[in-house]
Amino acid sequence: RTKFLVTGRDEDEVAQIEKDTSKSVPRTKDEDYEWLEGIKGGPTPLSHFAHSGPFTETVLLGNLAVRTGKKIDWDGPAMKPSIAEAEQYVRREYRKGWSL
């Protein structure tokens, strides 16, 4: 069993987190079918951003921590890292003539 939980928390708290955490993520057998069924009003596809977004955000937050070499607390709703030097990796300044 492989674990990737790195934390400064005590063992009892880690045990509770593991108990409360799902052991696996639902799997899909056919992404295209799942997507089409979602369009037709069926169940929400697993590729929906409500499912995939938090996973992606977690991985990208890990990249920020690696690039800065520091622990980062993340304010998701504001999309803001707790340390200023990580901000350069979250947002970019676009050249004149380009905007989003």
PDB file of N, CA and C in Angstrom:
ATOM      1  N   ARG A   1       0.847  -1.173   0.000  1.00  0.00           N
ATOM      2  CA  ARG A   1       0.000   0.000   0.000  1.00  0.00           C
ATOM      3  C   ARG A   1       0.891   1.233   0.000  1.00  0.00           C
ATOM      4  N   THR A   2       0.703   2.087  -0.965  1.00  0.00           N
ATOM      5  CA  THR A   2       1.500   3.298  -1.082  1.00  0.00           C
ATOM      6  C   THR A   2       0.746   4.472  -0.496  1.00  0.00           C
ATOM      7  N   LYS A   3       1.437   5.287   0.284  1.00  0.00           N
ATOM      8  CA  LYS A   3       0.821   6.481   0.856  1.00  0.00           C
ATOM      9  C   LYS A   3       1.638   7.695   0.453  1.00  0.00           C
ATOM     10  N   PHE A   4       0.948   8.776   0.149  1.00  0.00           N
ATOM     11  CA  PHE A   4       1.621  10.007  -0.214  1.00  0.00           C
ATOM     12  C   PHE A   4       1.179  11.151   0.688  1.00  0.00           C
ATOM     13  N   LEU A   5       0.755  10.853   1.900  1.00  0.00           N
ATOM     14  CA  LEU A   5       0.282  11.881   2.812  1.00  0.00           C
ATOM     15  C   LEU A   5       1.464  12.465   3.564  1.00  0.00           C
ATOM     16  N   VAL A   6       1.769  13.716   3.311  1.00  0.00           N
ATOM     17  CA  VAL A   6       2.852  14.404   3.995  1.00  0.00           C
ATOM     18  C   VAL A   6       2.205  15.513   4.802  1.00  0.00           C
ATOM     19  N   THR A   7       2.370  15.449   6.103  1.00  0.00           N
ATOM     20  CA  THR A   7       1.690  16.419   6.950  1.00  0.00           C
ATOM     21  C   THR A   7       2.437  16.598   8.256  1.00  0.00           C
ATOM     22  N   GLY A   8       2.193  17.704   8.892  1.00  0.00           N
ATOM     23  CA  GLY A   8       2.763  17.962  10.208  1.00  0.00           C
ATOM     24  C   GLY A   8       1.765  17.620  11.296  1.00  0.00           C
ATOM     25  N   ARG A   9       0.688  16.948  10.942  1.00  0.00           N
ATOM     26  CA  ARG A   9      -0.373  16.634  11.886  1.00  0.00           C
ATOM     27  C   ARG A   9      -0.015  15.399  12.700  1.00  0.00           C
ATOM     28  N   ASP A  10      -0.710  15.243  13.849  1.00  0.00           N
ATOM     29  CA  ASP A  10      -0.417  14.080  14.683  1.00  0.00           C
ATOM     30  C   ASP A  10      -1.082  12.822  14.117  1.00  0.00           C
ATOM     31  N   GLU A  11      -0.652  11.673  14.614  1.00  0.00           N
ATOM     32  CA  GLU A  11      -1.089  10.392  14.045  1.00  0.00           C
ATOM     33  C   GLU A  11      -2.583  10.159  14.189  1.00  0.00           C
ATOM     34  N   ASP A  12      -3.194  10.608  15.293  1.00  0.00           N
ATOM     35  CA  ASP A  12      -4.638  10.431  15.475  1.00  0.00           C
ATOM     36  C   ASP A  12      -5.417  11.218  14.430  1.00  0.00           C
ATOM     37  N   GLU A  13      -4.961  12.427  14.144  1.00  0.00           N
ATOM     38  CA  GLU A  13      -5.641  13.249  13.144  1.00  0.00           C
ATOM     39  C   GLU A  13      -5.491  12.630  11.753  1.00  0.00           C
ATOM     40  N   VAL A  14      -4.310  12.123  11.447  1.00  0.00           N
ATOM     41  CA  VAL A  14      -4.079  11.466  10.159  1.00  0.00           C
ATOM     42  C   VAL A  14      -4.967  10.229  10.044  1.00  0.00           C
ATOM     43  N   ALA A  15      -5.090   9.448  11.113  1.00  0.00           N
ATOM     44  CA  ALA A  15      -5.944   8.256  11.094  1.00  0.00           C
ATOM     45  C   ALA A  15      -7.396   8.638  10.824  1.00  0.00           C
ATOM     46  N   GLN A  16      -7.864   9.729  11.419  1.00  0.00           N
ATOM     47  CA  GLN A  16      -9.238  10.181  11.188  1.00  0.00           C
ATOM     48  C   GLN A  16      -9.424  10.643   9.743  1.00  0.00           C
ATOM     49  N   ILE A  17      -8.448  11.345   9.199  1.00  0.00           N
ATOM     50  CA  ILE A  17      -8.525  11.789   7.803  1.00  0.00           C
ATOM     51  C   ILE A  17      -8.609  10.575   6.884  1.00  0.00           C
ATOM     52  N   GLU A  18      -7.780   9.565   7.137  1.00  0.00           N
ATOM     53  CA  GLU A  18      -7.797   8.355   6.312  1.00  0.00           C
ATOM     54  C   GLU A  18      -9.135   7.632   6.420  1.00  0.00           C
ATOM     55  N   LYS A  19      -9.712   7.612   7.617  1.00  0.00           N
ATOM     56  CA  LYS A  19     -11.006   6.958   7.825  1.00  0.00           C
ATOM     57  C   LYS A  19     -12.109   7.673   7.049  1.00  0.00           C
ATOM     58  N   ASP A  20     -12.050   9.007   7.009  1.00  0.00           N
ATOM     59  CA  ASP A  20     -13.085   9.810   6.363  1.00  0.00           C
ATOM     60  C   ASP A  20     -12.904   9.929   4.852  1.00  0.00           C
ATOM     61  N   THR A  21     -11.763   9.515   4.333  1.00  0.00           N
ATOM     62  CA  THR A  21     -11.458   9.685   2.915  1.00  0.00           C
ATOM     63  C   THR A  21     -11.848   8.439   2.127  1.00  0.00           C
ATOM     64  N   SER A  22     -12.474   8.650   0.982  1.00  0.00           N
ATOM     65  CA  SER A  22     -12.825   7.526   0.107  1.00  0.00           C
ATOM     66  C   SER A  22     -11.555   6.789  -0.293  1.00  0.00           C
ATOM     67  N   LYS A  23     -11.652   5.489  -0.400  1.00  0.00           N
ATOM     68  CA  LYS A  23     -10.487   4.682  -0.759  1.00  0.00           C
ATOM     69  C   LYS A  23     -10.215   4.686  -2.252  1.00  0.00           C
ATOM     70  N   SER A  24     -11.211   5.042  -3.038  1.00  0.00           N
ATOM     71  CA  SER A  24     -10.975   5.109  -4.471  1.00  0.00           C
ATOM     72  C   SER A  24     -11.946   6.091  -5.110  1.00  0.00           C
ATOM     73  N   VAL A  25     -11.638   6.429  -6.308  1.00  0.00           N
ATOM     74  CA  VAL A  25     -12.472   7.320  -7.100  1.00  0.00           C
ATOM     75  C   VAL A  25     -13.231   6.439  -8.081  1.00  0.00           C
ATOM     76  N   PRO A  26     -14.514   6.715  -8.316  1.00  0.00           N
ATOM     77  CA  PRO A  26     -15.240   5.888  -9.285  1.00  0.00           C
ATOM     78  C   PRO A  26     -14.517   5.863 -10.631  1.00  0.00           C
ATOM     79  N   ARG A  27     -14.573   4.743 -11.293  1.00  0.00           N
ATOM     80  CA  ARG A  27     -13.919   4.580 -12.592  1.00  0.00           C
ATOM     81  C   ARG A  27     -14.962   4.601 -13.704  1.00  0.00           C
ATOM     82  N   THR A  28     -14.557   5.024 -14.864  1.00  0.00           N
ATOM     83  CA  THR A  28     -15.437   4.995 -16.021  1.00  0.00           C
ATOM     84  C   THR A  28     -14.947   3.933 -16.993  1.00  0.00           C
ATOM     85  N   LYS A  29     -15.884   3.297 -17.668  1.00  0.00           N
ATOM     86  CA  LYS A  29     -15.503   2.284 -18.650  1.00  0.00           C
ATOM     87  C   LYS A  29     -15.483   2.862 -20.049  1.00  0.00           C
ATOM     88  N   ASP A  30     -16.245   3.938 -20.257  1.00  0.00           N
ATOM     89  CA  ASP A  30     -16.338   4.523 -21.591  1.00  0.00           C
ATOM     90  C   ASP A  30     -16.627   6.015 -21.460  1.00  0.00           C
ATOM     91  N   GLU A  31     -15.590   6.828 -21.619  1.00  0.00           N
ATOM     92  CA  GLU A  31     -15.733   8.277 -21.436  1.00  0.00           C
ATOM     93  C   GLU A  31     -16.731   8.880 -22.414  1.00  0.00           C
ATOM     94  N   ASP A  32     -16.682   8.425 -23.657  1.00  0.00           N
ATOM     95  CA  ASP A  32     -17.571   8.987 -24.676  1.00  0.00           C
ATOM     96  C   ASP A  32     -19.032   8.704 -24.345  1.00  0.00           C
ATOM     97  N   TYR A  33     -19.334   7.474 -23.966  1.00  0.00           N
ATOM     98  CA  TYR A  33     -20.701   7.105 -23.606  1.00  0.00           C
ATOM     99  C   TYR A  33     -21.158   7.926 -22.399  1.00  0.00           C
ATOM    100  N   GLU A  34     -20.296   8.008 -21.401  1.00  0.00           N
ATOM    101  CA  GLU A  34     -20.615   8.761 -20.185  1.00  0.00           C
ATOM    102  C   GLU A  34     -20.898  10.228 -20.514  1.00  0.00           C
ATOM    103  N   TRP A  35     -20.097  10.804 -21.382  1.00  0.00           N
ATOM    104  CA  TRP A  35     -20.258  12.201 -21.793  1.00  0.00           C
ATOM    105  C   TRP A  35     -21.590  12.400 -22.520  1.00  0.00           C
ATOM    106  N   LEU A  36     -21.894  11.511 -23.469  1.00  0.00           N
ATOM    107  CA  LEU A  36     -23.150  11.616 -24.216  1.00  0.00           C
ATOM    108  C   LEU A  36     -24.365  11.419 -23.312  1.00  0.00           C
ATOM    109  N   GLU A  37     -24.276  10.496 -22.373  1.00  0.00           N
ATOM    110  CA  GLU A  37     -25.380  10.292 -21.436  1.00  0.00           C
ATOM    111  C   GLU A  37     -25.595  11.536 -20.570  1.00  0.00           C
ATOM    112  N   GLY A  38     -24.503  12.196 -20.195  1.00  0.00           N
ATOM    113  CA  GLY A  38     -24.611  13.441 -19.433  1.00  0.00           C
ATOM    114  C   GLY A  38     -25.307  14.530 -20.227  1.00  0.00           C
ATOM    115  N   ILE A  39     -25.008  14.618 -21.505  1.00  0.00           N
ATOM    116  CA  ILE A  39     -25.647  15.605 -22.382  1.00  0.00           C
ATOM    117  C   ILE A  39     -27.146  15.332 -22.478  1.00  0.00           C
ATOM    118  N   LYS A  40     -27.510  14.059 -22.520  1.00  0.00           N
ATOM    119  CA  LYS A  40     -28.920  13.680 -22.663  1.00  0.00           C
ATOM    120  C   LYS A  40     -29.682  13.746 -21.337  1.00  0.00           C
ATOM    121  N   GLY A  41     -29.031  14.213 -20.272  1.00  0.00           N
ATOM    122  CA  GLY A  41     -29.718  14.346 -18.987  1.00  0.00           C
ATOM    123  C   GLY A  41     -29.459  13.215 -18.019  1.00  0.00           C
ATOM    124  N   GLY A  42     -28.551  12.332 -18.365  1.00  0.00           N
ATOM    125  CA  GLY A  42     -28.195  11.226 -17.479  1.00  0.00           C
ATOM    126  C   GLY A  42     -27.315  11.708 -16.333  1.00  0.00           C
ATOM    127  N   PRO A  43     -26.655  10.785 -15.666  1.00  0.00           N
ATOM    128  CA  PRO A  43     -25.794  11.174 -14.547  1.00  0.00           C
ATOM    129  C   PRO A  43     -24.638  12.073 -14.995  1.00  0.00           C
ATOM    130  N   THR A  44     -24.170  12.885 -14.072  1.00  0.00           N
ATOM    131  CA  THR A  44     -23.060  13.788 -14.356  1.00  0.00           C
ATOM    132  C   THR A  44     -21.803  12.974 -14.655  1.00  0.00           C
ATOM    133  N   PRO A  45     -21.135  13.247 -15.775  1.00  0.00           N
ATOM    134  CA  PRO A  45     -19.909  12.510 -16.106  1.00  0.00           C
ATOM    135  C   PRO A  45     -18.810  12.751 -15.067  1.00  0.00           C
ATOM    136  N   LEU A  46     -17.957  11.768 -14.874  1.00  0.00           N
ATOM    137  CA  LEU A  46     -16.847  11.919 -13.933  1.00  0.00           C
ATOM    138  C   LEU A  46     -15.855  12.972 -14.401  1.00  0.00           C
ATOM    139  N   SER A  47     -15.882  13.300 -15.687  1.00  0.00           N
ATOM    140  CA  SER A  47     -14.979  14.323 -16.211  1.00  0.00           C
ATOM    141  C   SER A  47     -15.494  15.736 -15.938  1.00  0.00           C
ATOM    142  N   HIS A  48     -16.651  15.859 -15.332  1.00  0.00           N
ATOM    143  CA  HIS A  48     -17.229  17.164 -15.013  1.00  0.00           C
ATOM    144  C   HIS A  48     -16.261  17.932 -14.108  1.00  0.00           C
ATOM    145  N   PHE A  49     -16.188  19.245 -14.298  1.00  0.00           N
ATOM    146  CA  PHE A  49     -15.234  20.056 -13.539  1.00  0.00           C
ATOM    147  C   PHE A  49     -15.465  19.990 -12.031  1.00  0.00           C
ATOM    148  N   ALA A  50     -16.683  19.731 -11.602  1.00  0.00           N
ATOM    149  CA  ALA A  50     -16.937  19.602 -10.164  1.00  0.00           C
ATOM    150  C   ALA A  50     -16.172  18.413  -9.585  1.00  0.00           C
ATOM    151  N   HIS A  51     -15.906  17.409 -10.416  1.00  0.00           N
ATOM    152  CA  HIS A  51     -15.131  16.246  -9.980  1.00  0.00           C
ATOM    153  C   HIS A  51     -13.641  16.447 -10.239  1.00  0.00           C
ATOM    154  N   SER A  52     -13.316  16.860 -11.454  1.00  0.00           N
ATOM    155  CA  SER A  52     -11.904  16.915 -11.853  1.00  0.00           C
ATOM    156  C   SER A  52     -11.193  18.184 -11.391  1.00  0.00           C
ATOM    157  N   GLY A  53     -11.915  19.262 -11.213  1.00  0.00           N
ATOM    158  CA  GLY A  53     -11.306  20.534 -10.823  1.00  0.00           C
ATOM    159  C   GLY A  53     -10.512  20.471  -9.528  1.00  0.00           C
ATOM    160  N   PRO A  54     -11.099  19.937  -8.438  1.00  0.00           N
ATOM    161  CA  PRO A  54     -10.344  19.864  -7.180  1.00  0.00           C
ATOM    162  C   PRO A  54      -9.073  19.021  -7.284  1.00  0.00           C
ATOM    163  N   PHE A  55      -9.111  17.930  -8.073  1.00  0.00           N
ATOM    164  CA  PHE A  55      -7.904  17.121  -8.256  1.00  0.00           C
ATOM    165  C   PHE A  55      -6.819  17.931  -8.965  1.00  0.00           C
ATOM    166  N   THR A  56      -7.211  18.616 -10.022  1.00  0.00           N
ATOM    167  CA  THR A  56      -6.261  19.425 -10.785  1.00  0.00           C
ATOM    168  C   THR A  56      -5.677  20.527  -9.915  1.00  0.00           C
ATOM    169  N   GLU A  57      -6.522  21.182  -9.132  1.00  0.00           N
ATOM    170  CA  GLU A  57      -6.055  22.264  -8.262  1.00  0.00           C
ATOM    171  C   GLU A  57      -5.046  21.745  -7.241  1.00  0.00           C
ATOM    172  N   THR A  58      -5.273  20.552  -6.718  1.00  0.00           N
ATOM    173  CA  THR A  58      -4.351  19.960  -5.746  1.00  0.00           C
ATOM    174  C   THR A  58      -2.988  19.688  -6.374  1.00  0.00           C
ATOM    175  N   VAL A  59      -2.978  19.125  -7.571  1.00  0.00           N
ATOM    176  CA  VAL A  59      -1.715  18.837  -8.258  1.00  0.00           C
ATOM    177  C   VAL A  59      -0.967  20.130  -8.559  1.00  0.00           C
ATOM    178  N   LEU A  60      -1.677  21.133  -9.045  1.00  0.00           N
ATOM    179  CA  LEU A  60      -1.027  22.406  -9.361  1.00  0.00           C
ATOM    180  C   LEU A  60      -0.506  23.095  -8.103  1.00  0.00           C
ATOM    181  N   LEU A  61      -1.209  22.955  -6.996  1.00  0.00           N
ATOM    182  CA  LEU A  61      -0.727  23.516  -5.735  1.00  0.00           C
ATOM    183  C   LEU A  61       0.572  22.833  -5.315  1.00  0.00           C
ATOM    184  N   GLY A  62       0.662  21.526  -5.545  1.00  0.00           N
ATOM    185  CA  GLY A  62       1.915  20.818  -5.277  1.00  0.00           C
ATOM    186  C   GLY A  62       3.049  21.362  -6.119  1.00  0.00           C
ATOM    187  N   ASN A  63       2.757  21.687  -7.382  1.00  0.00           N
ATOM    188  CA  ASN A  63       3.780  22.283  -8.251  1.00  0.00           C
ATOM    189  C   ASN A  63       4.244  23.627  -7.710  1.00  0.00           C
ATOM    190  N   LEU A  64       3.311  24.428  -7.204  1.00  0.00           N
ATOM    191  CA  LEU A  64       3.697  25.721  -6.612  1.00  0.00           C
ATOM    192  C   LEU A  64       4.641  25.509  -5.431  1.00  0.00           C
ATOM    193  N   ALA A  65       4.319  24.547  -4.583  1.00  0.00           N
ATOM    194  CA  ALA A  65       5.159  24.285  -3.414  1.00  0.00           C
ATOM    195  C   ALA A  65       6.552  23.820  -3.828  1.00  0.00           C
ATOM    196  N   VAL A  66       6.624  22.978  -4.852  1.00  0.00           N
ATOM    197  CA  VAL A  66       7.925  22.500  -5.329  1.00  0.00           C
ATOM    198  C   VAL A  66       8.728  23.660  -5.915  1.00  0.00           C
ATOM    199  N   ARG A  67       8.086  24.492  -6.720  1.00  0.00           N
ATOM    200  CA  ARG A  67       8.807  25.602  -7.372  1.00  0.00           C
ATOM    201  C   ARG A  67       9.324  26.624  -6.365  1.00  0.00           C
ATOM    202  N   THR A  68       8.553  26.865  -5.304  1.00  0.00           N
ATOM    203  CA  THR A  68       8.985  27.855  -4.311  1.00  0.00           C
ATOM    204  C   THR A  68       9.796  27.228  -3.188  1.00  0.00           C
ATOM    205  N   GLY A  69       9.660  25.916  -3.012  1.00  0.00           N
ATOM    206  CA  GLY A  69      10.363  25.241  -1.924  1.00  0.00           C
ATOM    207  C   GLY A  69       9.776  25.565  -0.562  1.00  0.00           C
ATOM    208  N   LYS A  70       8.524  26.031  -0.540  1.00  0.00           N
ATOM    209  CA  LYS A  70       7.886  26.430   0.716  1.00  0.00           C
ATOM    210  C   LYS A  70       6.491  25.843   0.827  1.00  0.00           C
ATOM    211  N   LYS A  71       6.011  25.773   2.077  1.00  0.00           N
ATOM    212  CA  LYS A  71       4.634  25.356   2.327  1.00  0.00           C
ATOM    213  C   LYS A  71       3.715  26.485   1.877  1.00  0.00           C
ATOM    214  N   ILE A  72       2.630  26.120   1.204  1.00  0.00           N
ATOM    215  CA  ILE A  72       1.697  27.126   0.705  1.00  0.00           C
ATOM    216  C   ILE A  72       0.297  26.791   1.188  1.00  0.00           C
ATOM    217  N   ASP A  73      -0.355  27.772   1.771  1.00  0.00           N
ATOM    218  CA  ASP A  73      -1.780  27.664   2.066  1.00  0.00           C
ATOM    219  C   ASP A  73      -2.498  28.314   0.897  1.00  0.00           C
ATOM    220  N   TRP A  74      -3.584  27.707   0.456  1.00  0.00           N
ATOM    221  CA  TRP A  74      -4.254  28.144  -0.757  1.00  0.00           C
ATOM    222  C   TRP A  74      -5.657  28.630  -0.443  1.00  0.00           C
ATOM    223  N   ASP A  75      -5.983  29.833  -0.896  1.00  0.00           N
ATOM    224  CA  ASP A  75      -7.334  30.377  -0.802  1.00  0.00           C
ATOM    225  C   ASP A  75      -7.997  30.111  -2.148  1.00  0.00           C
ATOM    226  N   GLY A  76      -8.718  28.994  -2.246  1.00  0.00           N
ATOM    227  CA  GLY A  76      -9.317  28.571  -3.505  1.00  0.00           C
ATOM    228  C   GLY A  76     -10.270  29.580  -4.122  1.00  0.00           C
ATOM    229  N   PRO A  77     -11.258  30.075  -3.356  1.00  0.00           N
ATOM    230  CA  PRO A  77     -12.206  31.024  -3.949  1.00  0.00           C
ATOM    231  C   PRO A  77     -11.535  32.284  -4.504  1.00  0.00           C
ATOM    232  N   ALA A  78     -10.485  32.753  -3.842  1.00  0.00           N
ATOM    233  CA  ALA A  78      -9.781  33.952  -4.311  1.00  0.00           C
ATOM    234  C   ALA A  78      -8.648  33.606  -5.274  1.00  0.00           C
ATOM    235  N   MET A  79      -8.349  32.298  -5.430  1.00  0.00           N
ATOM    236  CA  MET A  79      -7.220  31.829  -6.240  1.00  0.00           C
ATOM    237  C   MET A  79      -5.940  32.561  -5.853  1.00  0.00           C
ATOM    238  N   LYS A  80      -5.637  32.525  -4.558  1.00  0.00           N
ATOM    239  CA  LYS A  80      -4.497  33.275  -4.039  1.00  0.00           C
ATOM    240  C   LYS A  80      -3.655  32.383  -3.127  1.00  0.00           C
ATOM    241  N   PRO A  81      -2.345  32.306  -3.399  1.00  0.00           N
ATOM    242  CA  PRO A  81      -1.447  31.573  -2.508  1.00  0.00           C
ATOM    243  C   PRO A  81      -1.095  32.427  -1.290  1.00  0.00           C
ATOM    244  N   SER A  82      -0.662  31.759  -0.228  1.00  0.00           N
ATOM    245  CA  SER A  82      -0.340  32.464   1.009  1.00  0.00           C
ATOM    246  C   SER A  82       1.006  33.177   0.961  1.00  0.00           C
ATOM    247  N   ILE A  83       1.845  32.869  -0.020  1.00  0.00           N
ATOM    248  CA  ILE A  83       3.131  33.558  -0.117  1.00  0.00           C
ATOM    249  C   ILE A  83       3.213  34.303  -1.451  1.00  0.00           C
ATOM    250  N   ALA A  84       3.711  35.514  -1.380  1.00  0.00           N
ATOM    251  CA  ALA A  84       3.725  36.401  -2.547  1.00  0.00           C
ATOM    252  C   ALA A  84       4.555  35.849  -3.706  1.00  0.00           C
ATOM    253  N   GLU A  85       5.655  35.175  -3.417  1.00  0.00           N
ATOM    254  CA  GLU A  85       6.522  34.716  -4.512  1.00  0.00           C
ATOM    255  C   GLU A  85       5.863  33.640  -5.379  1.00  0.00           C
ATOM    256  N   ALA A  86       4.821  32.983  -4.874  1.00  0.00           N
ATOM    257  CA  ALA A  86       4.110  31.979  -5.672  1.00  0.00           C
ATOM    258  C   ALA A  86       3.105  32.627  -6.617  1.00  0.00           C
ATOM    259  N   GLU A  87       2.746  33.867  -6.357  1.00  0.00           N
ATOM    260  CA  GLU A  87       1.752  34.569  -7.176  1.00  0.00           C
ATOM    261  C   GLU A  87       2.165  34.632  -8.645  1.00  0.00           C
ATOM    262  N   GLN A  88       3.457  34.734  -8.915  1.00  0.00           N
ATOM    263  CA  GLN A  88       3.932  34.824 -10.304  1.00  0.00           C
ATOM    264  C   GLN A  88       3.596  33.575 -11.115  1.00  0.00           C
ATOM    265  N   TYR A  89       3.374  32.445 -10.444  1.00  0.00           N
ATOM    266  CA  TYR A  89       3.043  31.209 -11.146  1.00  0.00           C
ATOM    267  C   TYR A  89       1.530  31.006 -11.294  1.00  0.00           C
ATOM    268  N   VAL A  90       0.756  31.807 -10.571  1.00  0.00           N
ATOM    269  CA  VAL A  90      -0.701  31.673 -10.602  1.00  0.00           C
ATOM    270  C   VAL A  90      -1.307  32.541 -11.693  1.00  0.00           C
ATOM    271  N   ARG A  91      -0.815  33.750 -11.808  1.00  0.00           N
ATOM    272  CA  ARG A  91      -1.331  34.688 -12.799  1.00  0.00           C
ATOM    273  C   ARG A  91      -0.175  35.211 -13.635  1.00  0.00           C
ATOM    274  N   ARG A  92      -0.472  35.590 -14.850  1.00  0.00           N
ATOM    275  CA  ARG A  92       0.578  36.166 -15.683  1.00  0.00           C
ATOM    276  C   ARG A  92       0.124  37.516 -16.203  1.00  0.00           C
ATOM    277  N   GLU A  93       1.078  38.335 -16.488  1.00  0.00           N
ATOM    278  CA  GLU A  93       0.795  39.636 -17.079  1.00  0.00           C
ATOM    279  C   GLU A  93       0.906  39.475 -18.595  1.00  0.00           C
ATOM    280  N   TYR A  94      -0.165  39.779 -19.286  1.00  0.00           N
ATOM    281  CA  TYR A  94      -0.192  39.611 -20.739  1.00  0.00           C
ATOM    282  C   TYR A  94       0.375  40.842 -21.437  1.00  0.00           C
ATOM    283  N   ARG A  95       0.992  40.620 -22.591  1.00  0.00           N
ATOM    284  CA  ARG A  95       1.503  41.733 -23.386  1.00  0.00           C
ATOM    285  C   ARG A  95       0.345  42.587 -23.873  1.00  0.00           C
ATOM    286  N   LYS A  96       0.641  43.845 -24.150  1.00  0.00           N
ATOM    287  CA  LYS A  96      -0.391  44.739 -24.668  1.00  0.00           C
ATOM    288  C   LYS A  96      -0.954  44.168 -25.958  1.00  0.00           C
ATOM    289  N   GLY A  97      -2.250  44.327 -26.129  1.00  0.00           N
ATOM    290  CA  GLY A  97      -2.918  43.798 -27.305  1.00  0.00           C
ATOM    291  C   GLY A  97      -3.562  42.443 -27.064  1.00  0.00           C
ATOM    292  N   TRP A  98      -3.244  41.814 -25.933  1.00  0.00           N
ATOM    293  CA  TRP A  98      -3.821  40.517 -25.601  1.00  0.00           C
ATOM    294  C   TRP A  98      -4.532  40.634 -24.261  1.00  0.00           C
ATOM    295  N   SER A  99      -5.691  40.074 -24.164  1.00  0.00           N
ATOM    296  CA  SER A  99      -6.397  40.093 -22.886  1.00  0.00           C
ATOM    297  C   SER A  99      -7.353  38.911 -22.810  1.00  0.00           C
ATOM    298  N   LEU A 100      -7.744  38.621 -21.610  1.00  0.00           N
ATOM    299  CA  LEU A 100      -8.725  37.551 -21.373  1.00  0.00           C
ATOM    300  C   LEU A 100      -9.930  38.151 -20.694  1.00  0.00           C
TER     301      LEU A 100
END
